[in-house]
Amino acid sequence: MKKHFILLATCALAGGLRLAALDAVVVVNNDVNVSELSAAALKDFLTGKSMYWDGGVAVTIITAGDKADAALEAACGMGSSAFKTHWQRLAFSGRGQPPKKADDADKALATVASTKGAIAVLPAGTEPKGVKKIEIK
């Protein structure tokens, strides 16, 4: 855990968080018309600041269980508890739909593949089957 904290602090001081440093994979539904995102744009999607892809398709966030928590924290700056609380507040205030939950990376991939506009941050080594892997710049 200490190793992750030091890595996150170093990345933040360098001018932005980089998911590659935490060995994460970002995938989207094949219908999403992007091949790369900035770290800031990814954070905006994950925190609900941006809720639509270019073209008007709603963003649907898919979470992939405990193994993806470190990558999700690096991408949006919130631990899993804060992330959940943040989305509960948005949902209860009528400003957003909470992320869909998947038990593991394979189920998250299946959900991303079948959900228009879906995005997920998954642990490194996850083979993006049936979805599009995007680069984070």
C-alpha atoms as a PDB file:
ATOM      1  CA  MET A   1       0.000   0.000   0.000  1.00  0.00           C
ATOM      2  CA  LYS A   2       2.839   2.371   0.887  1.00  0.00           C
ATOM      3  CA  LYS A   3       4.405   1.623  -2.497  1.00  0.00           C
ATOM      4  CA  HIS A   4       1.166   2.660  -4.269  1.00  0.00           C
ATOM      5  CA  PHE A   5       0.931   5.880  -2.234  1.00  0.00           C
ATOM      6  CA  ILE A   6       4.494   6.882  -3.104  1.00  0.00           C
ATOM      7  CA  LEU A   7       3.863   6.098  -6.762  1.00  0.00           C
ATOM      8  CA  LEU A   8       0.627   8.132  -6.793  1.00  0.00           C
ATOM      9  CA  ALA A   9       2.291  11.098  -5.097  1.00  0.00           C
ATOM     10  CA  THR A  10       5.183  11.007  -7.562  1.00  0.00           C
ATOM     11  CA  CYS A  11       2.807  10.883 -10.535  1.00  0.00           C
ATOM     12  CA  ALA A  12       0.733  13.758  -9.182  1.00  0.00           C
ATOM     13  CA  LEU A  13       3.823  15.901  -8.730  1.00  0.00           C
ATOM     14  CA  ALA A  14       4.904  15.092 -12.279  1.00  0.00           C
ATOM     15  CA  GLY A  15       1.802  16.822 -13.616  1.00  0.00           C
ATOM     16  CA  GLY A  16      -0.802  14.074 -13.834  1.00  0.00           C
ATOM     17  CA  LEU A  17      -1.657  10.525 -12.992  1.00  0.00           C
ATOM     18  CA  ARG A  18      -0.577   7.857 -15.425  1.00  0.00           C
ATOM     19  CA  LEU A  19      -2.405   4.538 -15.364  1.00  0.00           C
ATOM     20  CA  ALA A  20       0.473   2.798 -17.074  1.00  0.00           C
ATOM     21  CA  ALA A  21       2.501   3.322 -13.897  1.00  0.00           C
ATOM     22  CA  LEU A  22      -0.031   1.216 -11.995  1.00  0.00           C
ATOM     23  CA  ASP A  23      -0.394  -1.426 -14.672  1.00  0.00           C
ATOM     24  CA  ALA A  24      -4.019  -0.776 -15.518  1.00  0.00           C
ATOM     25  CA  VAL A  25      -6.066  -1.305 -18.658  1.00  0.00           C
ATOM     26  CA  VAL A  26      -8.864   1.068 -19.703  1.00  0.00           C
ATOM     27  CA  VAL A  27     -11.486  -0.456 -21.995  1.00  0.00           C
ATOM     28  CA  VAL A  28     -14.610   0.886 -23.663  1.00  0.00           C
ATOM     29  CA  ASN A  29     -17.498  -0.556 -25.631  1.00  0.00           C
ATOM     30  CA  ASN A  30     -16.601  -1.055 -29.290  1.00  0.00           C
ATOM     31  CA  ASP A  31     -19.165   1.567 -30.347  1.00  0.00           C
ATOM     32  CA  VAL A  32     -17.347   4.333 -28.440  1.00  0.00           C
ATOM     33  CA  ASN A  33     -15.468   6.418 -30.995  1.00  0.00           C
ATOM     34  CA  VAL A  34     -12.215   7.067 -29.077  1.00  0.00           C
ATOM     35  CA  SER A  35      -8.787   5.466 -29.156  1.00  0.00           C
ATOM     36  CA  GLU A  36      -7.166   7.584 -26.443  1.00  0.00           C
ATOM     37  CA  LEU A  37      -8.075   9.870 -23.556  1.00  0.00           C
ATOM     38  CA  SER A  38      -6.123  12.283 -21.424  1.00  0.00           C
ATOM     39  CA  ALA A  39      -5.794  11.381 -17.743  1.00  0.00           C
ATOM     40  CA  ALA A  40      -7.933  14.456 -16.961  1.00  0.00           C
ATOM     41  CA  ALA A  41     -10.701  13.354 -19.350  1.00  0.00           C
ATOM     42  CA  LEU A  42     -10.698   9.861 -17.825  1.00  0.00           C
ATOM     43  CA  LYS A  43     -11.002  11.382 -14.349  1.00  0.00           C
ATOM     44  CA  ASP A  44     -13.880  13.579 -15.548  1.00  0.00           C
ATOM     45  CA  PHE A  45     -15.767  10.510 -16.818  1.00  0.00           C
ATOM     46  CA  LEU A  46     -15.103   8.500 -13.652  1.00  0.00           C
ATOM     47  CA  THR A  47     -16.209  11.320 -11.349  1.00  0.00           C
ATOM     48  CA  GLY A  48     -19.298  12.302 -13.339  1.00  0.00           C
ATOM     49  CA  LYS A  49     -18.008  15.689 -14.484  1.00  0.00           C
ATOM     50  CA  SER A  50     -18.414  14.471 -18.060  1.00  0.00           C
ATOM     51  CA  MET A  51     -21.352  12.157 -18.606  1.00  0.00           C
ATOM     52  CA  TYR A  52     -21.493  11.866 -22.395  1.00  0.00           C
ATOM     53  CA  TRP A  53     -19.116  10.766 -25.116  1.00  0.00           C
ATOM     54  CA  ASP A  54     -18.724  12.950 -28.188  1.00  0.00           C
ATOM     55  CA  GLY A  55     -21.864  12.276 -30.170  1.00  0.00           C
ATOM     56  CA  GLY A  56     -24.158  12.256 -27.147  1.00  0.00           C
ATOM     57  CA  VAL A  57     -23.925   8.633 -25.971  1.00  0.00           C
ATOM     58  CA  ALA A  58     -24.149   8.385 -22.176  1.00  0.00           C
ATOM     59  CA  VAL A  59     -21.072   7.112 -20.335  1.00  0.00           C
ATOM     60  CA  THR A  60     -21.710   4.003 -18.239  1.00  0.00           C
ATOM     61  CA  ILE A  61     -18.986   3.172 -15.727  1.00  0.00           C
ATOM     62  CA  ILE A  62     -18.353  -0.480 -14.921  1.00  0.00           C
ATOM     63  CA  THR A  63     -16.431  -1.332 -11.751  1.00  0.00           C
ATOM     64  CA  ALA A  64     -14.567  -4.618 -11.525  1.00  0.00           C
ATOM     65  CA  GLY A  65     -14.287  -5.597  -7.893  1.00  0.00           C
ATOM     66  CA  ASP A  66     -11.463  -5.233  -5.400  1.00  0.00           C
ATOM     67  CA  LYS A  67      -8.591  -6.087  -7.740  1.00  0.00           C
ATOM     68  CA  ALA A  68      -9.214  -2.932  -9.766  1.00  0.00           C
ATOM     69  CA  ASP A  69      -9.415  -0.579  -6.754  1.00  0.00           C
ATOM     70  CA  ALA A  70      -5.807   0.682  -7.001  1.00  0.00           C
ATOM     71  CA  ALA A  71      -6.167   1.487 -10.698  1.00  0.00           C
ATOM     72  CA  LEU A  72      -9.513   3.192 -10.130  1.00  0.00           C
ATOM     73  CA  GLU A  73      -8.006   5.268  -7.321  1.00  0.00           C
ATOM     74  CA  ALA A  74      -5.108   6.329  -9.549  1.00  0.00           C
ATOM     75  CA  ALA A  75      -7.508   7.307 -12.318  1.00  0.00           C
ATOM     76  CA  CYS A  76      -9.981   9.360 -10.290  1.00  0.00           C
ATOM     77  CA  GLY A  77      -8.139  10.237  -7.086  1.00  0.00           C
ATOM     78  CA  MET A  78     -10.635   8.507  -4.789  1.00  0.00           C
ATOM     79  CA  GLY A  79     -10.390   5.285  -2.851  1.00  0.00           C
ATOM     80  CA  SER A  80     -13.159   2.738  -3.348  1.00  0.00           C
ATOM     81  CA  SER A  81     -15.166   3.963  -0.342  1.00  0.00           C
ATOM     82  CA  ALA A  82     -14.955   7.626  -1.392  1.00  0.00           C
ATOM     83  CA  PHE A  83     -15.798   6.657  -4.995  1.00  0.00           C
ATOM     84  CA  LYS A  84     -18.912   4.790  -3.845  1.00  0.00           C
ATOM     85  CA  THR A  85     -19.987   7.676  -1.587  1.00  0.00           C
ATOM     86  CA  HIS A  86     -19.387  10.203  -4.369  1.00  0.00           C
ATOM     87  CA  TRP A  87     -21.638   8.281  -6.769  1.00  0.00           C
ATOM     88  CA  GLN A  88     -24.315   7.731  -4.122  1.00  0.00           C
ATOM     89  CA  ARG A  89     -24.479  11.503  -3.652  1.00  0.00           C
ATOM     90  CA  LEU A  90     -24.757  12.079  -7.395  1.00  0.00           C
ATOM     91  CA  ALA A  91     -27.462   9.422  -7.730  1.00  0.00           C
ATOM     92  CA  PHE A  92     -29.515  10.638  -4.753  1.00  0.00           C
ATOM     93  CA  SER A  93     -29.350  14.222  -6.001  1.00  0.00           C
ATOM     94  CA  GLY A  94     -30.512  13.148  -9.465  1.00  0.00           C
ATOM     95  CA  ARG A  95     -27.251  14.175 -11.139  1.00  0.00           C
ATOM     96  CA  GLY A  96     -26.038  10.753 -12.264  1.00  0.00           C
ATOM     97  CA  GLN A  97     -26.438   7.009 -12.425  1.00  0.00           C
ATOM     98  CA  PRO A  98     -24.105   4.992 -10.177  1.00  0.00           C
ATOM     99  CA  PRO A  99     -21.558   2.690 -11.816  1.00  0.00           C
ATOM    100  CA  LYS A 100     -22.600  -0.857 -12.626  1.00  0.00           C
ATOM    101  CA  LYS A 101     -20.806  -3.465 -10.530  1.00  0.00           C
ATOM    102  CA  ALA A 102     -19.136  -6.588 -11.861  1.00  0.00           C
ATOM    103  CA  ASP A 103     -17.647  -9.271  -9.627  1.00  0.00           C
ATOM    104  CA  ASP A 104     -14.377  -9.554 -11.546  1.00  0.00           C
ATOM    105  CA  ALA A 105     -12.537  -8.416 -14.672  1.00  0.00           C
ATOM    106  CA  ASP A 106     -14.082 -11.064 -16.942  1.00  0.00           C
ATOM    107  CA  LYS A 107     -17.615 -10.078 -15.950  1.00  0.00           C
ATOM    108  CA  ALA A 108     -16.677  -6.407 -16.320  1.00  0.00           C
ATOM    109  CA  LEU A 109     -15.437  -7.098 -19.867  1.00  0.00           C
ATOM    110  CA  ALA A 110     -18.706  -8.840 -20.732  1.00  0.00           C
ATOM    111  CA  THR A 111     -20.709  -5.928 -19.311  1.00  0.00           C
ATOM    112  CA  VAL A 112     -18.618  -3.343 -21.192  1.00  0.00           C
ATOM    113  CA  ALA A 113     -19.032  -5.340 -24.408  1.00  0.00           C
ATOM    114  CA  SER A 114     -22.822  -5.432 -24.051  1.00  0.00           C
ATOM    115  CA  THR A 115     -23.397  -1.882 -22.743  1.00  0.00           C
ATOM    116  CA  LYS A 116     -23.406   1.044 -25.154  1.00  0.00           C
ATOM    117  CA  GLY A 117     -21.077   3.818 -23.936  1.00  0.00           C
ATOM    118  CA  ALA A 118     -19.469   1.675 -21.215  1.00  0.00           C
ATOM    119  CA  ILE A 119     -15.981   2.230 -19.774  1.00  0.00           C
ATOM    120  CA  ALA A 120     -13.984   0.268 -17.178  1.00  0.00           C
ATOM    121  CA  VAL A 121     -10.568   0.518 -15.524  1.00  0.00           C
ATOM    122  CA  LEU A 122      -9.235  -3.015 -15.092  1.00  0.00           C
ATOM    123  CA  PRO A 123      -6.112  -4.622 -13.616  1.00  0.00           C
ATOM    124  CA  ALA A 124      -3.091  -5.040 -15.885  1.00  0.00           C
ATOM    125  CA  GLY A 125      -2.927  -8.311 -17.702  1.00  0.00           C
ATOM    126  CA  THR A 126      -6.644  -8.276 -18.444  1.00  0.00           C
ATOM    127  CA  GLU A 127      -7.043  -9.367 -22.052  1.00  0.00           C
ATOM    128  CA  PRO A 128      -9.532  -6.947 -23.670  1.00  0.00           C
ATOM    129  CA  LYS A 129     -11.767  -9.494 -25.415  1.00  0.00           C
ATOM    130  CA  GLY A 130     -14.766  -8.078 -27.266  1.00  0.00           C
ATOM    131  CA  VAL A 131     -14.000  -4.491 -26.210  1.00  0.00           C
ATOM    132  CA  LYS A 132     -11.674  -1.687 -27.250  1.00  0.00           C
ATOM    133  CA  LYS A 133      -8.565  -0.900 -25.201  1.00  0.00           C
ATOM    134  CA  ILE A 134      -7.786   2.812 -25.089  1.00  0.00           C
ATOM    135  CA  GLU A 135      -4.557   4.627 -24.348  1.00  0.00           C
ATOM    136  CA  ILE A 136      -4.325   7.168 -21.552  1.00  0.00           C
ATOM    137  CA  LYS A 137      -2.131  10.147 -22.401  1.00  0.00           C
END
